[in-house]
C-alpha atoms as a PDB file:
ATOM      1  CA  MET A   1     -81.266  45.188-139.656  1.00  0.00           C
ATOM      2  CA  ARG A   2     -79.879  41.956-138.375  1.00  0.00           C
ATOM      3  CA  ARG A   3     -81.998  38.698-139.489  1.00  0.00           C
ATOM      4  CA  ARG A   4     -83.240  36.118-137.394  1.00  0.00           C
ATOM      5  CA  GLY A   5     -79.936  33.862-136.830  1.00  0.00           C
ATOM      6  CA  GLN A   6     -77.184  36.116-138.402  1.00  0.00           C
ATOM      7  CA  LYS A   7     -74.565  36.427-135.881  1.00  0.00           C
ATOM      8  CA  LYS A   8     -74.060  40.295-134.372  1.00  0.00           C
ATOM      9  CA  ASP A   9     -70.853  42.055-135.550  1.00  0.00           C
ATOM     10  CA  GLU A  10     -70.032  43.115-132.157  1.00  0.00           C
ATOM     11  CA  LEU A  11     -66.966  44.875-133.414  1.00  0.00           C
ATOM     12  CA  ALA A  12     -68.857  46.955-135.951  1.00  0.00           C
ATOM     13  CA  GLU A  13     -71.030  47.970-133.275  1.00  0.00           C
ATOM     14  CA  ASN A  14     -68.475  49.271-131.020  1.00  0.00           C
ATOM     15  CA  LEU A  15     -66.797  51.158-134.046  1.00  0.00           C
ATOM     16  CA  LYS A  16     -69.476  52.486-134.856  1.00  0.00           C
ATOM     17  CA  LEU A  17     -69.942  53.749-131.336  1.00  0.00           C
ATOM     18  CA  LEU A  18     -66.652  54.979-131.203  1.00  0.00           C
ATOM     19  CA  ASN A  19     -67.329  57.311-134.031  1.00  0.00           C
ATOM     20  CA  GLN A  20     -70.774  58.514-133.318  1.00  0.00           C
ATOM     21  CA  TRP A  21     -69.644  61.537-131.761  1.00  0.00           C
ATOM     22  CA  GLY A  22     -66.732  62.207-134.555  1.00  0.00           C
ATOM     23  CA  GLU A  23     -64.942  60.320-136.455  1.00  0.00           C
ATOM     24  CA  GLN A  24     -62.106  59.331-134.527  1.00  0.00           C
ATOM     25  CA  PRO A  25     -58.444  59.206-136.258  1.00  0.00           C
ATOM     26  CA  ALA A  26     -57.428  56.184-138.448  1.00  0.00           C
ATOM     27  CA  ASN A  27     -54.646  54.922-135.924  1.00  0.00           C
ATOM     28  CA  VAL A  28     -57.260  55.033-132.886  1.00  0.00           C
ATOM     29  CA  GLN A  29     -59.541  52.862-135.102  1.00  0.00           C
ATOM     30  CA  GLN A  30     -56.690  50.713-136.117  1.00  0.00           C
ATOM     31  CA  VAL A  31     -55.527  49.767-132.398  1.00  0.00           C
ATOM     32  CA  TYR A  32     -58.882  49.536-130.759  1.00  0.00           C
ATOM     33  CA  THR A  33     -59.892  47.040-133.518  1.00  0.00           C
ATOM     34  CA  ALA A  34     -56.697  44.838-133.099  1.00  0.00           C
ATOM     35  CA  LEU A  35     -57.405  45.113-129.538  1.00  0.00           C
ATOM     36  CA  PHE A  36     -61.169  44.492-129.715  1.00  0.00           C
ATOM     37  CA  LYS A  37     -60.227  41.061-131.918  1.00  0.00           C
ATOM     38  CA  ALA A  38     -57.685  40.062-129.486  1.00  0.00           C
ATOM     39  CA  LEU A  39     -59.936  40.545-126.283  1.00  0.00           C
ATOM     40  CA  GLU A  40     -63.192  39.071-127.940  1.00  0.00           C
ATOM     41  CA  ALA A  41     -61.271  35.573-128.445  1.00  0.00           C
ATOM     42  CA  GLY A  42     -62.299  34.260-125.639  1.00  0.00           C
ATOM     43  CA  PRO A  43     -64.364  35.004-122.272  1.00  0.00           C
ATOM     44  CA  GLU A  44     -61.305  34.490-119.811  1.00  0.00           C
ATOM     45  CA  VAL A  45     -58.843  36.542-122.296  1.00  0.00           C
ATOM     46  CA  THR A  46     -57.086  39.310-120.143  1.00  0.00           C
ATOM     47  CA  TYR A  47     -55.620  42.592-120.966  1.00  0.00           C
ATOM     48  CA  VAL A  48     -52.094  40.792-120.593  1.00  0.00           C
ATOM     49  CA  ASP A  49     -53.057  38.519-123.345  1.00  0.00           C
ATOM     50  CA  ALA A  50     -54.465  41.176-125.322  1.00  0.00           C
ATOM     51  CA  ALA A  51     -51.681  43.453-125.385  1.00  0.00           C
ATOM     52  CA  SER A  52     -49.395  40.410-126.178  1.00  0.00           C
ATOM     53  CA  ASP A  53     -51.163  40.139-129.109  1.00  0.00           C
ATOM     54  CA  PRO A  54     -48.687  40.644-132.096  1.00  0.00           C
ATOM     55  CA  GLU A  55     -51.042  42.898-134.126  1.00  0.00           C
ATOM     56  CA  VAL A  56     -51.783  44.840-130.810  1.00  0.00           C
ATOM     57  CA  LYS A  57     -48.102  45.060-130.397  1.00  0.00           C
ATOM     58  CA  ARG A  58     -47.151  45.957-133.880  1.00  0.00           C
ATOM     59  CA  LEU A  59     -49.688  48.842-133.972  1.00  0.00           C
ATOM     60  CA  CYS A  60     -49.183  50.575-130.599  1.00  0.00           C
ATOM     61  CA  ALA A  61     -45.252  50.639-131.560  1.00  0.00           C
ATOM     62  CA  VAL A  62     -46.131  51.919-134.962  1.00  0.00           C
ATOM     63  CA  HIS A  63     -48.608  54.815-133.345  1.00  0.00           C
ATOM     64  CA  LYS A  64     -46.430  55.081-130.338  1.00  0.00           C
ATOM     65  CA  VAL A  65     -49.610  54.290-127.854  1.00  0.00           C
ATOM     66  CA  THR A  66     -48.076  54.840-124.148  1.00  0.00           C
ATOM     67  CA  HIS A  67     -51.012  53.353-122.592  1.00  0.00           C
ATOM     68  CA  LEU A  68     -54.793  51.583-122.677  1.00  0.00           C
ATOM     69  CA  GLY A  69     -56.610  53.597-120.304  1.00  0.00           C
ATOM     70  CA  GLY A  70     -56.373  56.807-117.945  1.00  0.00           C
ATOM     71  CA  PRO A  71     -55.671  58.588-116.019  1.00  0.00           C
ATOM     72  CA  MET A  72     -58.808  58.360-114.348  1.00  0.00           C
ATOM     73  CA  LEU A  73     -59.338  60.235-111.044  1.00  0.00           C
ATOM     74  CA  GLY A  74     -61.049  58.867-107.842  1.00  0.00           C
ATOM     75  CA  VAL A  75     -61.139  58.618-103.992  1.00  0.00           C
ATOM     76  CA  ILE A  76     -61.046  62.582-103.876  1.00  0.00           C
ATOM     77  CA  SER A  77     -60.353  64.286-100.309  1.00  0.00           C
ATOM     78  CA  SER A  78     -59.406  67.715 -98.526  1.00  0.00           C
ATOM     79  CA  ARG A  79     -55.836  65.841 -98.643  1.00  0.00           C
ATOM     80  CA  GLY A  80     -55.510  64.391-101.961  1.00  0.00           C
ATOM     81  CA  ALA A  81     -57.053  61.741-104.706  1.00  0.00           C
ATOM     82  CA  ARG A  82     -56.295  58.353-106.474  1.00  0.00           C
ATOM     83  CA  VAL A  83     -55.123  58.267-110.303  1.00  0.00           C
ATOM     84  CA  TRP A  84     -56.131  55.274-112.266  1.00  0.00           C
ATOM     85  CA  VAL A  85     -54.282  54.188-115.528  1.00  0.00           C
ATOM     86  CA  ARG A  86     -53.983  51.253-117.577  1.00  0.00           C
ATOM     87  CA  THR A  87     -51.006  50.324-119.277  1.00  0.00           C
ATOM     88  CA  LEU A  88     -49.883  48.240-122.417  1.00  0.00           C
ATOM     89  CA  LYS A  89     -47.504  46.089-120.143  1.00  0.00           C
ATOM     90  CA  PRO A  90     -46.150  45.484-116.916  1.00  0.00           C
ATOM     91  CA  ALA A  91     -44.846  48.655-116.177  1.00  0.00           C
ATOM     92  CA  LYS A  92     -44.232  51.267-112.988  1.00  0.00           C
ATOM     93  CA  VAL A  93     -46.507  54.188-112.596  1.00  0.00           C
ATOM     94  CA  GLU A  94     -45.904  57.733-111.092  1.00  0.00           C
ATOM     95  CA  VAL A  95     -47.633  60.695-110.538  1.00  0.00           C
ATOM     96  CA  GLN A  96     -45.981  64.136-110.808  1.00  0.00           C
ATOM     97  CA  VAL A  97     -48.169  66.925-109.054  1.00  0.00           C
ATOM     98  CA  THR A  98     -47.379  70.350-109.656  1.00  0.00           C
ATOM     99  CA  VAL A  99     -46.998  71.974-105.664  1.00  0.00           C
ATOM    100  CA  GLY A 100     -46.363  75.654-105.910  1.00  0.00           C
ATOM    101  CA  ASP A 101     -43.398  76.232-107.686  1.00  0.00           C
ATOM    102  CA  GLY A 102     -41.905  72.927-107.677  1.00  0.00           C
ATOM    103  CA  THR A 103     -43.304  69.164-108.257  1.00  0.00           C
ATOM    104  CA  LYS A 104     -43.573  66.254-106.109  1.00  0.00           C
ATOM    105  CA  THR A 105     -43.688  62.619-107.183  1.00  0.00           C
ATOM    106  CA  PHE A 106     -46.058  59.928-106.009  1.00  0.00           C
ATOM    107  CA  GLY A 107     -45.506  55.962-106.913  1.00  0.00           C
ATOM    108  CA  PRO A 108     -43.835  54.089-108.011  1.00  0.00           C
ATOM    109  CA  VAL A 109     -46.950  51.849-108.397  1.00  0.00           C
ATOM    110  CA  ALA A 110     -46.695  48.028-110.416  1.00  0.00           C
ATOM    111  CA  SER A 111     -49.349  47.242-113.085  1.00  0.00           C
ATOM    112  CA  THR A 112     -49.529  43.307-113.059  1.00  0.00           C
ATOM    113  CA  ALA A 113     -51.188  40.571-114.423  1.00  0.00           C
ATOM    114  CA  ALA A 114     -52.854  40.447-111.092  1.00  0.00           C
ATOM    115  CA  ASN A 115     -54.670  43.797-111.043  1.00  0.00           C
ATOM    116  CA  ASP A 116     -55.306  43.629-115.029  1.00  0.00           C
ATOM    117  CA  LEU A 117     -52.797  46.158-115.955  1.00  0.00           C
ATOM    118  CA  SER A 118     -54.402  48.543-113.921  1.00  0.00           C
ATOM    119  CA  ALA A 119     -52.214  50.721-111.192  1.00  0.00           C
ATOM    120  CA  ILE A 120     -53.775  53.090-108.721  1.00  0.00           C
ATOM    121  CA  VAL A 121     -51.320  55.691-107.573  1.00  0.00           C
ATOM    122  CA  ASP A 122     -52.329  57.652-104.038  1.00  0.00           C
ATOM    123  CA  VAL A 123     -51.598  61.308-104.147  1.00  0.00           C
ATOM    124  CA  THR A 124     -51.414  62.775-100.576  1.00  0.00           C
ATOM    125  CA  GLY A 125     -50.531  65.607 -98.464  1.00  0.00           C
ATOM    126  CA  LEU A 126     -52.331  68.314-100.441  1.00  0.00           C
ATOM    127  CA  GLN A 127     -54.154  71.061 -99.032  1.00  0.00           C
ATOM    128  CA  PRO A 128     -57.801  71.722 -99.287  1.00  0.00           C
ATOM    129  CA  SER A 129     -59.753  73.367-101.988  1.00  0.00           C
ATOM    130  CA  ARG A 130     -56.444  73.863-104.215  1.00  0.00           C
ATOM    131  CA  VAL A 131     -56.165  73.015-107.683  1.00  0.00           C
ATOM    132  CA  TYR A 132     -52.796  70.807-108.675  1.00  0.00           C
ATOM    133  CA  PRO A 133     -51.967  70.205-112.318  1.00  0.00           C
ATOM    134  CA  TYR A 134     -50.494  66.389-112.709  1.00  0.00           C
ATOM    135  CA  ARG A 135     -48.738  64.355-115.117  1.00  0.00           C
ATOM    136  CA  VAL A 136     -48.096  60.585-115.154  1.00  0.00           C
ATOM    137  CA  LEU A 137     -44.998  58.640-116.087  1.00  0.00           C
ATOM    138  CA  VAL A 138     -45.062  55.072-117.297  1.00  0.00           C
ATOM    139  CA  ASP A 139     -41.761  53.216-116.322  1.00  0.00           C
ATOM    140  CA  GLY A 140     -40.153  56.819-116.372  1.00  0.00           C
ATOM    141  CA  LYS A 141     -41.697  58.466-119.592  1.00  0.00           C
ATOM    142  CA  TYR A 142     -44.587  60.528-119.726  1.00  0.00           C
ATOM    143  CA  ILE A 143     -47.480  59.475-121.323  1.00  0.00           C
ATOM    144  CA  GLU A 144     -50.341  61.663-122.984  1.00  0.00           C
ATOM    145  CA  THR A 145     -52.510  63.420-120.508  1.00  0.00           C
ATOM    146  CA  PRO A 146     -55.275  66.374-121.584  1.00  0.00           C
ATOM    147  CA  ALA A 147     -53.928  69.956-120.772  1.00  0.00           C
ATOM    148  CA  HIS A 148     -56.459  70.557-118.135  1.00  0.00           C
ATOM    149  CA  ALA A 149     -55.762  67.450-116.117  1.00  0.00           C
ATOM    150  CA  ALA A 150     -55.559  68.324-112.480  1.00  0.00           C
ATOM    151  CA  ILE A 151     -56.590  67.326-108.875  1.00  0.00           C
ATOM    152  CA  THR A 152     -58.922  69.913-107.319  1.00  0.00           C
ATOM    153  CA  THR A 153     -59.033  68.731-103.504  1.00  0.00           C
ATOM    154  CA  ALA A 154     -62.311  68.884-101.665  1.00  0.00           C
ATOM    155  CA  PRO A 155     -62.787  71.428 -98.716  1.00  0.00           C
ATOM    156  CA  SER A 156     -61.756  70.692 -95.290  1.00  0.00           C
ATOM    157  CA  GLU A 157     -64.587  67.884 -93.637  1.00  0.00           C
ATOM    158  CA  SER A 158     -64.383  70.425 -90.327  1.00  0.00           C
ATOM    159  CA  SER A 159     -64.502  74.088 -92.359  1.00  0.00           C
ATOM    160  CA  PRO A 160     -68.276  75.448 -93.477  1.00  0.00           C
ATOM    161  CA  GLY A 161     -68.507  75.506 -97.198  1.00  0.00           C
ATOM    162  CA  ARG A 162     -70.370  73.616-100.138  1.00  0.00           C
ATOM    163  CA  VAL A 163     -69.698  70.820-102.067  1.00  0.00           C
ATOM    164  CA  ARG A 164     -71.251  70.460-105.672  1.00  0.00           C
ATOM    165  CA  ILE A 165     -71.345  66.444-106.073  1.00  0.00           C
ATOM    166  CA  ALA A 166     -72.498  65.170-109.654  1.00  0.00           C
ATOM    167  CA  PHE A 167     -74.592  62.053-110.054  1.00  0.00           C
ATOM    168  CA  GLY A 168     -76.084  60.347-112.923  1.00  0.00           C
ATOM    169  CA  THR A 169     -76.889  56.906-114.610  1.00  0.00           C
ATOM    170  CA  CYS A 170     -77.308  54.956-117.596  1.00  0.00           C
ATOM    171  CA  PRO A 171     -75.022  56.585-119.947  1.00  0.00           C
ATOM    172  CA  HIS A 172     -74.108  53.412-121.745  1.00  0.00           C
ATOM    173  CA  ARG A 173     -71.404  53.081-124.093  1.00  0.00           C
ATOM    174  CA  TRP A 174     -73.185  55.173-126.592  1.00  0.00           C
ATOM    175  CA  GLY A 175     -73.522  58.221-124.077  1.00  0.00           C
ATOM    176  CA  LEU A 176     -69.547  58.206-122.834  1.00  0.00           C
ATOM    177  CA  GLY A 177     -68.742  59.428-126.205  1.00  0.00           C
ATOM    178  CA  ASN A 178     -71.022  62.721-126.034  1.00  0.00           C
ATOM    179  CA  GLN A 179     -68.138  65.630-125.571  1.00  0.00           C
ATOM    180  CA  LYS A 180     -70.778  68.853-125.178  1.00  0.00           C
ATOM    181  CA  GLN A 181     -72.232  66.400-122.119  1.00  0.00           C
ATOM    182  CA  TRP A 182     -69.095  65.543-120.344  1.00  0.00           C
ATOM    183  CA  THR A 183     -67.741  69.066-120.872  1.00  0.00           C
ATOM    184  CA  LEU A 184     -71.155  70.681-119.438  1.00  0.00           C
ATOM    185  CA  ILE A 185     -71.004  68.572-116.538  1.00  0.00           C
ATOM    186  CA  ARG A 186     -67.041  69.210-116.234  1.00  0.00           C
ATOM    187  CA  ARG A 187     -67.533  73.231-116.210  1.00  0.00           C
ATOM    188  CA  ARG A 188     -69.766  72.916-113.215  1.00  0.00           C
ATOM    189  CA  LYS A 189     -66.765  72.164-111.260  1.00  0.00           C
ATOM    190  CA  PRO A 190     -67.795  69.490-109.147  1.00  0.00           C
ATOM    191  CA  THR A 191     -65.782  67.916-106.620  1.00  0.00           C
ATOM    192  CA  ALA A 192     -66.507  64.161-107.907  1.00  0.00           C
ATOM    193  CA  MET A 193     -69.062  62.530-109.588  1.00  0.00           C
ATOM    194  CA  LEU A 194     -71.121  59.454-108.918  1.00  0.00           C
ATOM    195  CA  LEU A 195     -72.363  57.166-111.517  1.00  0.00           C
ATOM    196  CA  GLY A 196     -75.094  54.477-110.972  1.00  0.00           C
ATOM    197  CA  GLY A 197     -74.774  51.950-113.185  1.00  0.00           C
ATOM    198  CA  ASP A 198     -75.368  51.227-117.129  1.00  0.00           C
ATOM    199  CA  ILE A 199     -71.996  52.917-117.861  1.00  0.00           C
ATOM    200  CA  ALA A 200     -69.551  51.167-119.920  1.00  0.00           C
ATOM    201  CA  VAL A 201     -70.662  47.543-120.751  1.00  0.00           C
ATOM    202  CA  GLN A 202     -73.551  46.570-122.584  1.00  0.00           C
ATOM    203  CA  ASP A 203     -74.689  42.902-122.063  1.00  0.00           C
ATOM    204  CA  ARG A 204     -71.842  40.942-121.865  1.00  0.00           C
ATOM    205  CA  ARG A 205     -72.788  37.998-119.272  1.00  0.00           C
ATOM    206  CA  ASN A 206     -69.690  36.130-118.620  1.00  0.00           C
ATOM    207  CA  HIS A 207     -67.459  36.853-121.167  1.00  0.00           C
ATOM    208  CA  CYS A 208     -65.007  38.957-119.476  1.00  0.00           C
ATOM    209  CA  GLY A 209     -63.389  39.659-122.533  1.00  0.00           C
ATOM    210  CA  LEU A 210     -65.744  41.352-124.058  1.00  0.00           C
ATOM    211  CA  HIS A 211     -66.204  43.261-120.556  1.00  0.00           C
ATOM    212  CA  ARG A 212     -62.699  44.571-121.201  1.00  0.00           C
ATOM    213  CA  ALA A 213     -63.624  45.383-124.591  1.00  0.00           C
ATOM    214  CA  ASP A 214     -66.162  47.698-123.617  1.00  0.00           C
ATOM    215  CA  TYR A 215     -64.100  49.059-120.648  1.00  0.00           C
ATOM    216  CA  SER A 216     -61.801  49.602-123.271  1.00  0.00           C
ATOM    217  CA  LEU A 217     -64.108  51.516-125.769  1.00  0.00           C
ATOM    218  CA  ARG A 218     -65.006  53.704-122.763  1.00  0.00           C
ATOM    219  CA  ASP A 219     -61.077  54.780-122.365  1.00  0.00           C
ATOM    220  CA  PHE A 220     -60.590  55.378-126.239  1.00  0.00           C
ATOM    221  CA  PHE A 221     -63.254  58.347-126.111  1.00  0.00           C
ATOM    222  CA  PRO A 222     -61.943  61.671-126.036  1.00  0.00           C
ATOM    223  CA  ALA A 223     -64.875  62.840-124.204  1.00  0.00           C
ATOM    224  CA  TRP A 224     -64.273  60.325-121.202  1.00  0.00           C
ATOM    225  CA  ARG A 225     -60.227  61.059-121.115  1.00  0.00           C
ATOM    226  CA  ASP A 226     -61.174  64.842-121.036  1.00  0.00           C
ATOM    227  CA  PHE A 227     -63.521  64.308-118.259  1.00  0.00           C
ATOM    228  CA  SER A 228     -62.372  61.530-115.746  1.00  0.00           C
ATOM    229  CA  ALA A 229     -58.618  63.142-115.925  1.00  0.00           C
ATOM    230  CA  ALA A 230     -59.908  66.334-113.826  1.00  0.00           C
ATOM    231  CA  VAL A 231     -63.274  65.146-112.137  1.00  0.00           C
ATOM    232  CA  PRO A 232     -63.341  62.187-109.841  1.00  0.00           C
ATOM    233  CA  VAL A 233     -65.750  59.470-110.512  1.00  0.00           C
ATOM    234  CA  CYS A 234     -67.098  56.620-108.352  1.00  0.00           C
ATOM    235  CA  ALA A 235     -69.172  53.954-109.940  1.00  0.00           C
ATOM    236  CA  THR A 236     -71.408  51.302-109.235  1.00  0.00           C
ATOM    237  CA  TRP A 237     -73.334  48.912-111.796  1.00  0.00           C
ATOM    238  CA  ASP A 238     -76.941  47.896-113.050  1.00  0.00           C
ATOM    239  CA  ASP A 239     -78.011  45.021-114.652  1.00  0.00           C
ATOM    240  CA  HIS A 240     -76.488  45.685-118.289  1.00  0.00           C
ATOM    241  CA  ASP A 241     -72.979  46.114-116.988  1.00  0.00           C
ATOM    242  CA  TYR A 242     -73.528  43.673-114.550  1.00  0.00           C
ATOM    243  CA  PHE A 243     -74.874  40.469-116.878  1.00  0.00           C
ATOM    244  CA  ASP A 244     -77.714  41.654-119.163  1.00  0.00           C
ATOM    245  CA  ASN A 245     -81.162  43.149-118.897  1.00  0.00           C
ATOM    246  CA  ASP A 246     -82.753  42.435-115.616  1.00  0.00           C
ATOM    247  CA  ARG A 247     -79.914  39.739-114.777  1.00  0.00           C
ATOM    248  CA  TRP A 248     -79.381  39.565-110.772  1.00  0.00           C
ATOM    249  CA  GLY A 249     -77.495  37.165-108.374  1.00  0.00           C
ATOM    250  CA  ILE A 250     -76.388  34.083-110.125  1.00  0.00           C
ATOM    251  CA  PRO A 251     -78.061  34.335-113.690  1.00  0.00           C
ATOM    252  CA  LYS A 252     -79.911  30.825-114.903  1.00  0.00           C
ATOM    253  CA  GLY A 253     -77.050  28.877-116.839  1.00  0.00           C
ATOM    254  CA  TYR A 254     -74.305  30.544-114.922  1.00  0.00           C
ATOM    255  CA  THR A 255     -72.419  29.966-112.154  1.00  0.00           C
ATOM    256  CA  LEU A 256     -70.699  31.606-108.704  1.00  0.00           C
ATOM    257  CA  ARG A 257     -67.367  31.861-110.722  1.00  0.00           C
ATOM    258  CA  ASP A 258     -69.049  33.611-113.606  1.00  0.00           C
ATOM    259  CA  LYS A 259     -70.448  36.562-111.374  1.00  0.00           C
ATOM    260  CA  GLN A 260     -67.177  36.687-109.361  1.00  0.00           C
ATOM    261  CA  ARG A 261     -65.172  37.306-112.856  1.00  0.00           C
ATOM    262  CA  VAL A 262     -67.202  39.883-113.671  1.00  0.00           C
ATOM    263  CA  CYS A 263     -66.841  41.510-110.559  1.00  0.00           C
ATOM    264  CA  ASP A 264     -63.378  41.184-110.664  1.00  0.00           C
ATOM    265  CA  VAL A 265     -63.031  43.140-114.160  1.00  0.00           C
ATOM    266  CA  PHE A 266     -65.129  45.790-112.739  1.00  0.00           C
ATOM    267  CA  ARG A 267     -62.935  46.335-109.809  1.00  0.00           C
ATOM    268  CA  ARG A 268     -60.124  46.861-111.724  1.00  0.00           C
ATOM    269  CA  ALA A 269     -61.823  49.059-114.264  1.00  0.00           C
ATOM    270  CA  TRP A 270     -62.931  52.121-111.886  1.00  0.00           C
ATOM    271  CA  ASN A 271     -61.175  53.841-109.209  1.00  0.00           C
ATOM    272  CA  ASN A 272     -63.246  53.418-106.118  1.00  0.00           C
ATOM    273  CA  PRO A 273     -62.629  53.699-102.482  1.00  0.00           C
ATOM    274  CA  SER A 274     -63.559  50.029-101.621  1.00  0.00           C
ATOM    275  CA  TYR A 275     -65.571  47.056-103.337  1.00  0.00           C
ATOM    276  CA  GLY A 276     -68.315  45.593-101.300  1.00  0.00           C
ATOM    277  CA  PHE A 277     -66.741  42.730 -98.459  1.00  0.00           C
ATOM    278  CA  GLY A 278     -63.205  42.665-100.497  1.00  0.00           C
ATOM    279  CA  ASP A 279     -61.509  39.833-102.560  1.00  0.00           C
ATOM    280  CA  GLU A 280     -63.705  36.591-100.696  1.00  0.00           C
ATOM    281  CA  ARG A 281     -67.437  38.014-100.603  1.00  0.00           C
ATOM    282  CA  ARG A 282     -66.860  40.481-103.167  1.00  0.00           C
ATOM    283  CA  GLY A 283     -69.324  42.910-104.502  1.00  0.00           C
ATOM    284  CA  ILE A 284     -68.957  46.615-105.175  1.00  0.00           C
ATOM    285  CA  PHE A 285     -71.194  48.601-102.860  1.00  0.00           C
ATOM    286  CA  LEU A 286     -69.400  51.513-100.866  1.00  0.00           C
ATOM    287  CA  ARG A 287     -69.420  54.220 -98.547  1.00  0.00           C
ATOM    288  CA  THR A 288     -67.146  57.267 -98.482  1.00  0.00           C
ATOM    289  CA  ARG A 289     -66.971  60.986 -97.494  1.00  0.00           C
ATOM    290  CA  ILE A 290     -66.618  63.853 -99.744  1.00  0.00           C
ATOM    291  CA  GLY A 291     -65.642  67.005 -98.295  1.00  0.00           C
ATOM    292  CA  PRO A 292     -68.236  66.883 -95.279  1.00  0.00           C
ATOM    293  CA  CYS A 293     -70.842  64.762 -97.501  1.00  0.00           C
ATOM    294  CA  ASP A 294     -71.086  61.279 -96.573  1.00  0.00           C
ATOM    295  CA  ALA A 295     -71.795  59.006 -99.880  1.00  0.00           C
ATOM    296  CA  ILE A 296     -73.383  55.595-100.153  1.00  0.00           C
ATOM    297  CA  MET A 297     -73.547  53.358-102.894  1.00  0.00           C
ATOM    298  CA  VAL A 298     -75.215  50.200-102.734  1.00  0.00           C
ATOM    299  CA  ASP A 299     -75.158  47.216-105.288  1.00  0.00           C
ATOM    300  CA  GLU A 300     -78.156  46.027-106.430  1.00  0.00           C
ATOM    301  CA  ARG A 301     -77.196  42.660-108.388  1.00  0.00           C
ATOM    302  CA  TYR A 302     -74.782  40.531-106.737  1.00  0.00           C
ATOM    303  CA  PHE A 303     -76.080  40.032-103.650  1.00  0.00           C
ATOM    304  CA  ARG A 304     -79.933  39.850-104.651  1.00  0.00           C
ATOM    305  CA  THR A 305     -81.605  36.503-104.241  1.00  0.00           C
ATOM    306  CA  GLY A 306     -85.004  37.075-106.008  1.00  0.00           C
ATOM    307  CA  VAL A 307     -86.906  37.416-102.057  1.00  0.00           C
ATOM    308  CA  LYS A 308     -89.753  40.005-102.553  1.00  0.00           C
ATOM    309  CA  GLY A 309     -88.719  43.408-101.466  1.00  0.00           C
ATOM    310  CA  SER A 310     -84.977  42.792-101.217  1.00  0.00           C
ATOM    311  CA  PHE A 311     -82.934  44.487-103.692  1.00  0.00           C
ATOM    312  CA  LEU A 312     -79.589  44.174-101.516  1.00  0.00           C
ATOM    313  CA  GLY A 313     -79.679  40.768-100.016  1.00  0.00           C
ATOM    314  CA  ASP A 314     -79.251  40.052 -96.569  1.00  0.00           C
ATOM    315  CA  GLU A 315     -75.312  40.541 -95.867  1.00  0.00           C
ATOM    316  CA  GLN A 316     -75.449  44.152 -97.545  1.00  0.00           C
ATOM    317  CA  MET A 317     -78.753  45.137 -95.986  1.00  0.00           C
ATOM    318  CA  ALA A 318     -77.027  44.284 -92.544  1.00  0.00           C
ATOM    319  CA  TRP A 319     -73.736  46.368 -94.030  1.00  0.00           C
ATOM    320  CA  LEU A 320     -76.130  49.105 -94.721  1.00  0.00           C
ATOM    321  CA  GLU A 321     -77.915  49.040 -91.203  1.00  0.00           C
ATOM    322  CA  ALA A 322     -74.985  48.664 -89.328  1.00  0.00           C
ATOM    323  CA  TRP A 323     -73.800  51.529 -90.795  1.00  0.00           C
ATOM    324  CA  ALA A 324     -77.112  53.729 -90.118  1.00  0.00           C
ATOM    325  CA  ALA A 325     -77.082  52.728 -86.862  1.00  0.00           C
ATOM    326  CA  GLU A 326     -73.523  53.605 -86.143  1.00  0.00           C
ATOM    327  CA  LYS A 327     -73.984  57.284 -88.029  1.00  0.00           C
ATOM    328  CA  ALA A 328     -77.176  57.758 -85.736  1.00  0.00           C
ATOM    329  CA  HIS A 329     -75.389  57.339 -82.474  1.00  0.00           C
ATOM    330  CA  ARG A 330     -72.481  59.709 -83.251  1.00  0.00           C
END
C-alpha cells in the first residue's frame, strides 16, 4: 500500500498490468519501459519525441521492433475497412489484401508527426460478406501481424441478413490484456465491436504523455493485438479515459487547450469513421453504418456544461436531434 504523500510509481503499475495475464518476454518489457519513461517525461511529449529517445531507438533496433501499434481494424462496410497502424518513425504504410488467387495493395499512407505516427489505410472495392486475409508493410517491409488477421466485410445494406455487433464498456487497462475474454468475443465472429469508454487510459488528466503511454500499453497486450487485427472496433470515452473520475467539460484548474489536446490524442489512437465536429470544435461522437444497422456513439464528456439533465451539451444534442429527425422522414 502506498503511504500518504508517497509518489505513485506509474511505470511499475503499468508493467504489473502488462504482465497480469501472463509474463511478457524480457525484450517486450524492456521496450515498453523505455517508451514509458520517454512519454512520462512531460505532458506534451509526443510519439515522435519518444521514438527519438536514444534508449527507445537502441532497444527497438536490438529487438527488431517494426512498429508501435496495430494493425487495428475499423470503419467496416460491405466494401472494405480501414487499417490503423502506429509506426516507429515517419513512414509509408501499405496494406496487402489477399483477393482470390492474388493480392491487392492499398496505400501508401504517410505516418507523420502531425498524425502522431498513426497511418490509416482505406481498403476498398471488396465484396460483401467475404473474408480477406491481409498483411501490412511499413516502408516496403512486412511487419509482424497476427496469422488470423483478416477483414470480414459486412453484409450488403440492401440484402436481408443478420449482423452481429458486439458492445461493451469499462475494460480499463487491466481488462485489455484478458486473452480469454477477447478470444471468446472474436470467436463469436462479430462484424464489429463498439466500446463505450473507460477503455485504455486511466486518470491521466492533461498529461498527454501518459495518455500515450497507456495507449501503448494497450498496443503491447497480445490479447488486444489479436482481437483488433480481426474485429473492427469503434470507440468513445468516459470519465477515466477523458480526464479523471467524474470529470467533464473543462475540469476545474484546467483549460480549453488541455481538453483539446486530450481529444487530439484520442483521435489519433483509434480508428473511428469520424470524430465529433472535426478539428475546429472537436468532440468524439459519431454515427456510422454497419451493414443494415445504424450505430450512434455519443460523447458524454467533452461538451457537458453541468446543466441539469444535459450530458451531451447543446451542440451535440442539436446534432443528435437533427439526425433523428432526418431518419424519421426517410
